[in-house]
Amino acid sequence: MEHSRPKYGPQTVRQHAVRLQVHLECHAEAGCLSPVRAVTSPAACSPSPAGTVQCRAPALTPRAAFLHLFAFCYYAQVTNQSPPNFTQHVSEQSKVTDRVSRRLIRIYQLYSRTSGKHVQVLPNKKINAMADDGDVHAKLIVETDTFGSRVRIKGAETGFYICMNKRGKLIGKKNGQGRDCIFTEIVLENNYTALRNARYESWYMAFTRRGRPRKGSRTRQHQREVHFMKRLPKGQQPAHSSNHRPFDFIHYPFNQRTKRTRYSSER
């Protein structure tokens, strides 16, 4: 006949933890000096000259000692549990591709601070910053990869994604699902945007003064070559809802109170 193992609930575990704590204190102090916290039998207690009750800790069986030790560890783990770190959660989830939420798609141009031109994706899979404002190859489709600031950049005309290979060179790929085609948008203090690669975290998208791509291993965040500005394509206006109305000032008639306030401020 099989014996069913007893189940211990949270209340039973806490009671064993309290008993173990009292037993440990009794062994450490050579006796319990509080009549309220004593858990031993009355025969094991004797009054002391100071007026308190001194109790001897009873001997524990190996099974009871193991159960008390397990209950004490469980109680300590539950009570000393730290609160969740939301900042760490956001940081970890920002590095993982979000395949559940709907992706946000934006269309704009990337203006290079050094070349004075726009980034373009050519049909031969080459990337440079030599396009003029309104060029068809300078129109970029930016897809969000997660709820953070990680994006995928694709040429609207050619359909190639801007990626970075292991040598730090910018290339175009038809399939942009790899981490080498993901860039993290970093807004700098001068309001420019830097694009850092997700696979090579210390490498940035950068272009020289002539608009040629620069190797990612030679880039740093403070360099002018990695600074970009987002611009809408030429002739495209910001999207507004159909019921959007321009801002108008509403002129209310003056009353006695507003007149007094106006005259007092002029004085």
C-alpha atoms as a PDB file:
ATOM      1  CA  MET A   1       0.000   0.000   0.000  1.00  0.00           C
ATOM      2  CA  GLU A   2       1.434   3.302  -1.078  1.00  0.00           C
ATOM      3  CA  HIS A   3       1.582   6.087   1.457  1.00  0.00           C
ATOM      4  CA  SER A   4       0.582   9.501   0.154  1.00  0.00           C
ATOM      5  CA  ARG A   5       3.106  12.229   0.838  1.00  0.00           C
ATOM      6  CA  PRO A   6       1.684  15.015   3.027  1.00  0.00           C
ATOM      7  CA  LYS A   7       1.156  18.370   1.364  1.00  0.00           C
ATOM      8  CA  TYR A   8       2.369  21.477   3.113  1.00  0.00           C
ATOM      9  CA  GLY A   9       0.637  24.764   2.392  1.00  0.00           C
ATOM     10  CA  PRO A  10       2.103  28.254   2.822  1.00  0.00           C
ATOM     11  CA  GLN A  11       0.663  28.561   6.356  1.00  0.00           C
ATOM     12  CA  THR A  12       2.236  25.263   7.459  1.00  0.00           C
ATOM     13  CA  VAL A  13       5.554  26.264   5.942  1.00  0.00           C
ATOM     14  CA  ARG A  14       5.538  29.574   7.803  1.00  0.00           C
ATOM     15  CA  GLN A  15       4.757  27.809  11.101  1.00  0.00           C
ATOM     16  CA  HIS A  16       7.703  25.455  10.628  1.00  0.00           C
ATOM     17  CA  ALA A  17       9.910  28.405   9.750  1.00  0.00           C
ATOM     18  CA  VAL A  18       8.940  30.203  12.973  1.00  0.00           C
ATOM     19  CA  ARG A  19       9.593  27.059  15.014  1.00  0.00           C
ATOM     20  CA  LEU A  20      12.985  26.589  13.402  1.00  0.00           C
ATOM     21  CA  GLN A  21      13.883  30.176  14.178  1.00  0.00           C
ATOM     22  CA  VAL A  22      12.955  29.670  17.849  1.00  0.00           C
ATOM     23  CA  HIS A  23      14.982  26.451  18.035  1.00  0.00           C
ATOM     24  CA  LEU A  24      18.013  28.162  16.564  1.00  0.00           C
ATOM     25  CA  GLU A  25      17.723  31.018  19.038  1.00  0.00           C
ATOM     26  CA  CYS A  26      17.405  28.535  21.902  1.00  0.00           C
ATOM     27  CA  HIS A  27      20.544  26.687  20.832  1.00  0.00           C
ATOM     28  CA  ALA A  28      22.450  29.918  20.385  1.00  0.00           C
ATOM     29  CA  GLU A  29      21.412  31.428  23.726  1.00  0.00           C
ATOM     30  CA  ALA A  30      21.332  28.139  25.665  1.00  0.00           C
ATOM     31  CA  GLY A  31      17.637  28.497  26.443  1.00  0.00           C
ATOM     32  CA  CYS A  32      14.520  30.526  25.660  1.00  0.00           C
ATOM     33  CA  LEU A  33      13.988  33.461  27.974  1.00  0.00           C
ATOM     34  CA  SER A  34      10.531  34.517  26.770  1.00  0.00           C
ATOM     35  CA  PRO A  35       7.422  32.623  27.940  1.00  0.00           C
ATOM     36  CA  VAL A  36       5.494  33.756  24.851  1.00  0.00           C
ATOM     37  CA  ARG A  37       7.978  32.491  22.227  1.00  0.00           C
ATOM     38  CA  ALA A  38       8.680  29.167  23.963  1.00  0.00           C
ATOM     39  CA  VAL A  39       7.468  26.209  21.909  1.00  0.00           C
ATOM     40  CA  THR A  40       8.636  23.410  24.173  1.00  0.00           C
ATOM     41  CA  SER A  41       6.557  21.500  26.689  1.00  0.00           C
ATOM     42  CA  PRO A  42       5.981  22.872  30.223  1.00  0.00           C
ATOM     43  CA  ALA A  43       8.071  20.062  31.703  1.00  0.00           C
ATOM     44  CA  ALA A  44      11.150  21.334  29.864  1.00  0.00           C
ATOM     45  CA  CYS A  45      10.828  24.815  31.372  1.00  0.00           C
ATOM     46  CA  SER A  46      11.897  26.029  34.801  1.00  0.00           C
ATOM     47  CA  PRO A  47      11.560  29.442  36.449  1.00  0.00           C
ATOM     48  CA  SER A  48      14.719  31.482  36.843  1.00  0.00           C
ATOM     49  CA  PRO A  49      15.638  33.798  39.781  1.00  0.00           C
ATOM     50  CA  ALA A  50      15.103  36.830  37.544  1.00  0.00           C
ATOM     51  CA  GLY A  51      11.417  35.995  37.174  1.00  0.00           C
ATOM     52  CA  THR A  52      11.555  34.706  33.616  1.00  0.00           C
ATOM     53  CA  VAL A  53      10.983  31.201  32.313  1.00  0.00           C
ATOM     54  CA  GLN A  54      14.004  29.335  31.009  1.00  0.00           C
ATOM     55  CA  CYS A  55      13.294  26.514  28.523  1.00  0.00           C
ATOM     56  CA  ARG A  56      15.500  23.839  27.081  1.00  0.00           C
ATOM     57  CA  ALA A  57      15.284  23.302  23.334  1.00  0.00           C
ATOM     58  CA  PRO A  58      14.070  19.765  22.605  1.00  0.00           C
ATOM     59  CA  ALA A  59      16.080  17.479  20.383  1.00  0.00           C
ATOM     60  CA  LEU A  60      14.979  17.416  16.747  1.00  0.00           C
ATOM     61  CA  THR A  61      14.722  14.272  14.688  1.00  0.00           C
ATOM     62  CA  PRO A  62      16.579  14.294  11.316  1.00  0.00           C
ATOM     63  CA  ARG A  63      13.299  14.417   9.419  1.00  0.00           C
ATOM     64  CA  ALA A  64      11.962  17.317  11.457  1.00  0.00           C
ATOM     65  CA  ALA A  65      15.262  19.190  11.184  1.00  0.00           C
ATOM     66  CA  PHE A  66      15.292  18.808   7.390  1.00  0.00           C
ATOM     67  CA  LEU A  67      11.675  19.951   7.172  1.00  0.00           C
ATOM     68  CA  HIS A  68      12.365  22.988   9.349  1.00  0.00           C
ATOM     69  CA  LEU A  69      15.441  23.877   7.311  1.00  0.00           C
ATOM     70  CA  PHE A  70      13.499  23.612   4.053  1.00  0.00           C
ATOM     71  CA  ALA A  71      10.688  25.735   5.473  1.00  0.00           C
ATOM     72  CA  PHE A  72      13.127  28.367   6.706  1.00  0.00           C
ATOM     73  CA  CYS A  73      14.813  28.633   3.276  1.00  0.00           C
ATOM     74  CA  TYR A  74      11.453  28.861   1.531  1.00  0.00           C
ATOM     75  CA  TYR A  75      10.205  31.528   3.934  1.00  0.00           C
ATOM     76  CA  ALA A  76      13.391  33.561   3.550  1.00  0.00           C
ATOM     77  CA  GLN A  77      13.160  33.382  -0.240  1.00  0.00           C
ATOM     78  CA  VAL A  78       9.543  34.548  -0.263  1.00  0.00           C
ATOM     79  CA  THR A  79       9.979  37.379   2.218  1.00  0.00           C
ATOM     80  CA  ASN A  80      13.249  38.703   0.769  1.00  0.00           C
ATOM     81  CA  GLN A  81      12.071  38.765  -2.832  1.00  0.00           C
ATOM     82  CA  SER A  82      13.184  41.955  -4.592  1.00  0.00           C
ATOM     83  CA  PRO A  83      10.693  44.075  -6.579  1.00  0.00           C
ATOM     84  CA  PRO A  84      10.732  43.737 -10.385  1.00  0.00           C
ATOM     85  CA  ASN A  85      13.152  45.947 -12.293  1.00  0.00           C
ATOM     86  CA  PHE A  86      11.156  47.530 -15.116  1.00  0.00           C
ATOM     87  CA  THR A  87      14.190  49.277 -16.618  1.00  0.00           C
ATOM     88  CA  GLN A  88      16.015  45.983 -16.986  1.00  0.00           C
ATOM     89  CA  HIS A  89      12.926  44.402 -18.529  1.00  0.00           C
ATOM     90  CA  VAL A  90      12.672  47.144 -21.157  1.00  0.00           C
ATOM     91  CA  SER A  91      16.398  46.886 -21.912  1.00  0.00           C
ATOM     92  CA  GLU A  92      16.191  43.131 -22.428  1.00  0.00           C
ATOM     93  CA  GLN A  93      13.017  43.220 -24.506  1.00  0.00           C
ATOM     94  CA  SER A  94      14.421  45.968 -26.733  1.00  0.00           C
ATOM     95  CA  LYS A  95      17.123  43.546 -27.905  1.00  0.00           C
ATOM     96  CA  VAL A  96      14.594  40.920 -29.009  1.00  0.00           C
ATOM     97  CA  THR A  97      12.661  41.071 -32.269  1.00  0.00           C
ATOM     98  CA  ASP A  98       8.966  41.681 -31.689  1.00  0.00           C
ATOM     99  CA  ARG A  99       7.000  39.390 -34.020  1.00  0.00           C
ATOM    100  CA  VAL A 100       3.615  39.907 -32.348  1.00  0.00           C
ATOM    101  CA  SER A 101       2.945  43.649 -32.356  1.00  0.00           C
ATOM    102  CA  ARG A 102       2.094  45.553 -35.507  1.00  0.00           C
ATOM    103  CA  ARG A 103       5.142  47.194 -37.058  1.00  0.00           C
ATOM    104  CA  LEU A 104       5.289  50.940 -37.482  1.00  0.00           C
ATOM    105  CA  ILE A 105       6.373  51.973 -40.988  1.00  0.00           C
ATOM    106  CA  ARG A 106       7.735  55.450 -41.714  1.00  0.00           C
ATOM    107  CA  ILE A 107       8.983  57.013 -44.954  1.00  0.00           C
ATOM    108  CA  TYR A 108      11.674  59.685 -44.907  1.00  0.00           C
ATOM    109  CA  GLN A 109      15.136  60.652 -46.124  1.00  0.00           C
ATOM    110  CA  LEU A 110      18.433  60.555 -44.215  1.00  0.00           C
ATOM    111  CA  TYR A 111      20.443  63.735 -44.595  1.00  0.00           C
ATOM    112  CA  SER A 112      24.177  63.239 -44.001  1.00  0.00           C
ATOM    113  CA  ARG A 113      25.859  65.954 -41.983  1.00  0.00           C
ATOM    114  CA  THR A 114      29.257  65.543 -43.672  1.00  0.00           C
ATOM    115  CA  SER A 115      28.346  65.129 -47.358  1.00  0.00           C
ATOM    116  CA  GLY A 116      25.354  67.479 -47.367  1.00  0.00           C
ATOM    117  CA  LYS A 117      23.448  64.899 -49.436  1.00  0.00           C
ATOM    118  CA  HIS A 118      20.977  62.117 -48.721  1.00  0.00           C
ATOM    119  CA  VAL A 119      21.529  58.392 -48.226  1.00  0.00           C
ATOM    120  CA  GLN A 120      20.454  56.310 -51.226  1.00  0.00           C
ATOM    121  CA  VAL A 121      20.139  52.591 -52.023  1.00  0.00           C
ATOM    122  CA  LEU A 122      21.110  51.862 -55.628  1.00  0.00           C
ATOM    123  CA  PRO A 123      19.958  48.912 -57.805  1.00  0.00           C
ATOM    124  CA  ASN A 124      23.500  47.437 -57.709  1.00  0.00           C
ATOM    125  CA  LYS A 125      23.160  47.057 -53.894  1.00  0.00           C
ATOM    126  CA  LYS A 126      25.578  49.901 -53.196  1.00  0.00           C
ATOM    127  CA  ILE A 127      24.921  52.459 -50.462  1.00  0.00           C
ATOM    128  CA  ASN A 128      26.166  56.047 -50.512  1.00  0.00           C
ATOM    129  CA  ALA A 129      25.205  59.563 -49.426  1.00  0.00           C
ATOM    130  CA  MET A 130      25.250  61.371 -52.777  1.00  0.00           C
ATOM    131  CA  ALA A 131      21.538  61.748 -53.559  1.00  0.00           C
ATOM    132  CA  ASP A 132      19.817  65.099 -53.913  1.00  0.00           C
ATOM    133  CA  ASP A 133      16.636  66.066 -52.156  1.00  0.00           C
ATOM    134  CA  GLY A 134      13.700  64.281 -53.777  1.00  0.00           C
ATOM    135  CA  ASP A 135      15.741  61.584 -55.537  1.00  0.00           C
ATOM    136  CA  VAL A 136      13.803  58.347 -56.004  1.00  0.00           C
ATOM    137  CA  HIS A 137      16.648  56.260 -54.535  1.00  0.00           C
ATOM    138  CA  ALA A 138      16.830  58.511 -51.450  1.00  0.00           C
ATOM    139  CA  LYS A 139      13.316  57.581 -50.371  1.00  0.00           C
ATOM    140  CA  LEU A 140      13.657  55.116 -47.485  1.00  0.00           C
ATOM    141  CA  ILE A 141      11.117  52.867 -45.785  1.00  0.00           C
ATOM    142  CA  VAL A 142      11.891  52.460 -42.075  1.00  0.00           C
ATOM    143  CA  GLU A 143      10.301  49.511 -40.247  1.00  0.00           C
ATOM    144  CA  THR A 144      10.352  49.105 -36.471  1.00  0.00           C
ATOM    145  CA  ASP A 145      11.859  45.839 -35.236  1.00  0.00           C
ATOM    146  CA  THR A 146      10.777  46.121 -31.585  1.00  0.00           C
ATOM    147  CA  PHE A 147       8.981  48.521 -29.265  1.00  0.00           C
ATOM    148  CA  GLY A 148      12.313  50.236 -28.635  1.00  0.00           C
ATOM    149  CA  SER A 149      14.315  52.258 -31.167  1.00  0.00           C
ATOM    150  CA  ARG A 150      15.572  49.383 -33.363  1.00  0.00           C
ATOM    151  CA  VAL A 151      14.651  49.756 -37.038  1.00  0.00           C
ATOM    152  CA  ARG A 152      15.216  48.212 -40.470  1.00  0.00           C
ATOM    153  CA  ILE A 153      15.938  50.624 -43.333  1.00  0.00           C
ATOM    154  CA  LYS A 154      14.935  49.688 -46.881  1.00  0.00           C
ATOM    155  CA  GLY A 155      15.135  51.553 -50.157  1.00  0.00           C
ATOM    156  CA  ALA A 156      11.643  52.302 -51.435  1.00  0.00           C
ATOM    157  CA  GLU A 157      12.696  52.085 -55.100  1.00  0.00           C
ATOM    158  CA  THR A 158      14.987  49.050 -55.031  1.00  0.00           C
ATOM    159  CA  GLY A 159      13.613  47.101 -52.049  1.00  0.00           C
ATOM    160  CA  PHE A 160      17.095  46.362 -50.647  1.00  0.00           C
ATOM    161  CA  TYR A 161      17.758  46.647 -46.920  1.00  0.00           C
ATOM    162  CA  ILE A 162      20.784  48.535 -45.615  1.00  0.00           C
ATOM    163  CA  CYS A 163      22.992  45.995 -43.819  1.00  0.00           C
ATOM    164  CA  MET A 164      26.547  45.817 -42.484  1.00  0.00           C
ATOM    165  CA  ASN A 165      28.891  42.887 -43.097  1.00  0.00           C
ATOM    166  CA  LYS A 166      31.650  41.584 -40.817  1.00  0.00           C
ATOM    167  CA  ARG A 167      34.184  43.996 -42.363  1.00  0.00           C
ATOM    168  CA  GLY A 168      32.039  46.990 -41.449  1.00  0.00           C
ATOM    169  CA  LYS A 169      30.970  47.753 -45.020  1.00  0.00           C
ATOM    170  CA  LEU A 170      27.430  48.852 -45.871  1.00  0.00           C
ATOM    171  CA  ILE A 171      25.722  46.569 -48.381  1.00  0.00           C
ATOM    172  CA  GLY A 172      22.209  46.006 -49.691  1.00  0.00           C
ATOM    173  CA  LYS A 173      20.283  42.785 -49.053  1.00  0.00           C
ATOM    174  CA  LYS A 174      16.950  41.567 -50.316  1.00  0.00           C
ATOM    175  CA  ASN A 175      16.223  39.740 -47.043  1.00  0.00           C
ATOM    176  CA  GLY A 176      16.705  42.022 -44.058  1.00  0.00           C
ATOM    177  CA  GLN A 177      15.708  39.663 -41.236  1.00  0.00           C
ATOM    178  CA  GLY A 178      19.253  39.288 -39.854  1.00  0.00           C
ATOM    179  CA  ARG A 179      20.634  41.308 -36.975  1.00  0.00           C
ATOM    180  CA  ASP A 180      23.214  42.836 -39.312  1.00  0.00           C
ATOM    181  CA  CYS A 181      20.327  44.699 -41.003  1.00  0.00           C
ATOM    182  CA  ILE A 182      18.970  46.176 -37.758  1.00  0.00           C
ATOM    183  CA  PHE A 183      20.086  49.598 -36.527  1.00  0.00           C
ATOM    184  CA  THR A 184      19.407  51.350 -33.250  1.00  0.00           C
ATOM    185  CA  GLU A 185      18.362  54.990 -33.487  1.00  0.00           C
ATOM    186  CA  ILE A 186      20.236  57.161 -30.985  1.00  0.00           C
ATOM    187  CA  VAL A 187      19.133  60.790 -30.648  1.00  0.00           C
ATOM    188  CA  LEU A 188      22.192  62.896 -29.794  1.00  0.00           C
ATOM    189  CA  GLU A 189      22.407  66.118 -27.833  1.00  0.00           C
ATOM    190  CA  ASN A 190      22.785  68.171 -31.028  1.00  0.00           C
ATOM    191  CA  ASN A 191      19.442  66.747 -32.295  1.00  0.00           C
ATOM    192  CA  TYR A 192      21.167  64.599 -34.900  1.00  0.00           C
ATOM    193  CA  THR A 193      20.504  60.851 -35.096  1.00  0.00           C
ATOM    194  CA  ALA A 194      23.153  58.117 -35.022  1.00  0.00           C
ATOM    195  CA  LEU A 195      22.447  54.619 -36.350  1.00  0.00           C
ATOM    196  CA  ARG A 196      24.286  51.841 -34.489  1.00  0.00           C
ATOM    197  CA  ASN A 197      24.284  48.302 -35.836  1.00  0.00           C
ATOM    198  CA  ALA A 198      22.573  45.664 -33.673  1.00  0.00           C
ATOM    199  CA  ARG A 199      25.015  42.856 -34.486  1.00  0.00           C
ATOM    200  CA  TYR A 200      28.186  44.944 -34.241  1.00  0.00           C
ATOM    201  CA  GLU A 201      27.165  47.173 -31.345  1.00  0.00           C
ATOM    202  CA  SER A 202      30.169  49.507 -31.524  1.00  0.00           C
ATOM    203  CA  TRP A 203      29.867  50.171 -35.278  1.00  0.00           C
ATOM    204  CA  TYR A 204      27.795  52.973 -36.784  1.00  0.00           C
ATOM    205  CA  MET A 205      26.499  53.892 -40.206  1.00  0.00           C
ATOM    206  CA  ALA A 206      28.790  56.617 -41.503  1.00  0.00           C
ATOM    207  CA  PHE A 207      29.715  58.441 -44.724  1.00  0.00           C
ATOM    208  CA  THR A 208      32.663  60.603 -45.743  1.00  0.00           C
ATOM    209  CA  ARG A 209      32.507  64.121 -47.166  1.00  0.00           C
ATOM    210  CA  ARG A 210      32.341  62.675 -50.662  1.00  0.00           C
ATOM    211  CA  GLY A 211      29.382  60.512 -49.666  1.00  0.00           C
ATOM    212  CA  ARG A 212      31.244  57.211 -49.620  1.00  0.00           C
ATOM    213  CA  PRO A 213      30.447  54.725 -46.856  1.00  0.00           C
ATOM    214  CA  ARG A 214      32.972  54.486 -44.060  1.00  0.00           C
ATOM    215  CA  LYS A 215      33.947  51.238 -42.349  1.00  0.00           C
ATOM    216  CA  GLY A 216      32.069  50.612 -39.133  1.00  0.00           C
ATOM    217  CA  SER A 217      35.241  49.717 -37.223  1.00  0.00           C
ATOM    218  CA  ARG A 218      36.490  53.294 -37.712  1.00  0.00           C
ATOM    219  CA  THR A 219      33.368  55.035 -36.448  1.00  0.00           C
ATOM    220  CA  ARG A 220      32.538  56.604 -33.103  1.00  0.00           C
ATOM    221  CA  GLN A 221      29.373  58.258 -31.848  1.00  0.00           C
ATOM    222  CA  HIS A 222      30.911  61.735 -31.516  1.00  0.00           C
ATOM    223  CA  GLN A 223      32.137  61.862 -35.136  1.00  0.00           C
ATOM    224  CA  ARG A 224      30.337  64.022 -37.668  1.00  0.00           C
ATOM    225  CA  GLU A 225      30.313  61.153 -40.180  1.00  0.00           C
ATOM    226  CA  VAL A 226      27.706  59.227 -38.137  1.00  0.00           C
ATOM    227  CA  HIS A 227      25.306  62.163 -37.704  1.00  0.00           C
ATOM    228  CA  PHE A 228      22.094  62.177 -39.746  1.00  0.00           C
ATOM    229  CA  MET A 229      18.907  64.188 -39.911  1.00  0.00           C
ATOM    230  CA  LYS A 230      15.495  62.818 -40.848  1.00  0.00           C
ATOM    231  CA  ARG A 231      13.748  64.717 -43.615  1.00  0.00           C
ATOM    232  CA  LEU A 232      10.517  64.162 -45.496  1.00  0.00           C
ATOM    233  CA  PRO A 233      10.801  63.556 -49.249  1.00  0.00           C
ATOM    234  CA  LYS A 234      10.593  66.661 -51.404  1.00  0.00           C
ATOM    235  CA  GLY A 235       7.018  67.766 -51.951  1.00  0.00           C
ATOM    236  CA  GLN A 236       5.574  65.522 -49.257  1.00  0.00           C
ATOM    237  CA  GLN A 237       3.658  67.182 -46.453  1.00  0.00           C
ATOM    238  CA  PRO A 238       3.206  65.815 -42.926  1.00  0.00           C
ATOM    239  CA  ALA A 239       0.212  63.524 -42.646  1.00  0.00           C
ATOM    240  CA  HIS A 240      -2.774  65.027 -40.846  1.00  0.00           C
ATOM    241  CA  SER A 241      -6.223  63.700 -40.204  1.00  0.00           C
ATOM    242  CA  SER A 242      -9.061  64.885 -42.410  1.00  0.00           C
ATOM    243  CA  ASN A 243     -10.791  66.644 -39.545  1.00  0.00           C
ATOM    244  CA  HIS A 244      -7.673  68.534 -38.497  1.00  0.00           C
ATOM    245  CA  ARG A 245      -8.271  72.254 -38.089  1.00  0.00           C
ATOM    246  CA  PRO A 246      -5.597  74.950 -37.926  1.00  0.00           C
ATOM    247  CA  PHE A 247      -5.005  76.649 -34.612  1.00  0.00           C
ATOM    248  CA  ASP A 248      -6.977  79.884 -34.188  1.00  0.00           C
ATOM    249  CA  PHE A 249      -6.923  82.423 -31.406  1.00  0.00           C
ATOM    250  CA  ILE A 250     -10.263  82.947 -29.727  1.00  0.00           C
ATOM    251  CA  HIS A 251     -10.874  86.556 -28.695  1.00  0.00           C
ATOM    252  CA  TYR A 252     -13.165  86.804 -25.683  1.00  0.00           C
ATOM    253  CA  PRO A 253     -14.783  90.137 -24.775  1.00  0.00           C
ATOM    254  CA  PHE A 254     -13.255  92.003 -21.838  1.00  0.00           C
ATOM    255  CA  ASN A 255     -15.117  92.186 -18.578  1.00  0.00           C
ATOM    256  CA  GLN A 256     -14.438  94.289 -15.502  1.00  0.00           C
ATOM    257  CA  ARG A 257     -12.072  91.739 -13.960  1.00  0.00           C
ATOM    258  CA  THR A 258      -9.903  91.285 -17.060  1.00  0.00           C
ATOM    259  CA  LYS A 259      -9.708  95.061 -17.514  1.00  0.00           C
ATOM    260  CA  ARG A 260      -8.438  95.517 -13.954  1.00  0.00           C
ATOM    261  CA  THR A 261      -5.849  92.767 -14.459  1.00  0.00           C
ATOM    262  CA  ARG A 262      -4.703  94.260 -17.759  1.00  0.00           C
ATOM    263  CA  TYR A 263      -4.383  97.788 -16.385  1.00  0.00           C
ATOM    264  CA  SER A 264      -2.518  96.628 -13.276  1.00  0.00           C
ATOM    265  CA  SER A 265       0.015  94.667 -15.371  1.00  0.00           C
ATOM    266  CA  GLU A 266       0.637  97.689 -17.635  1.00  0.00           C
ATOM    267  CA  ARG A 267       1.383  99.888 -14.645  1.00  0.00           C
END
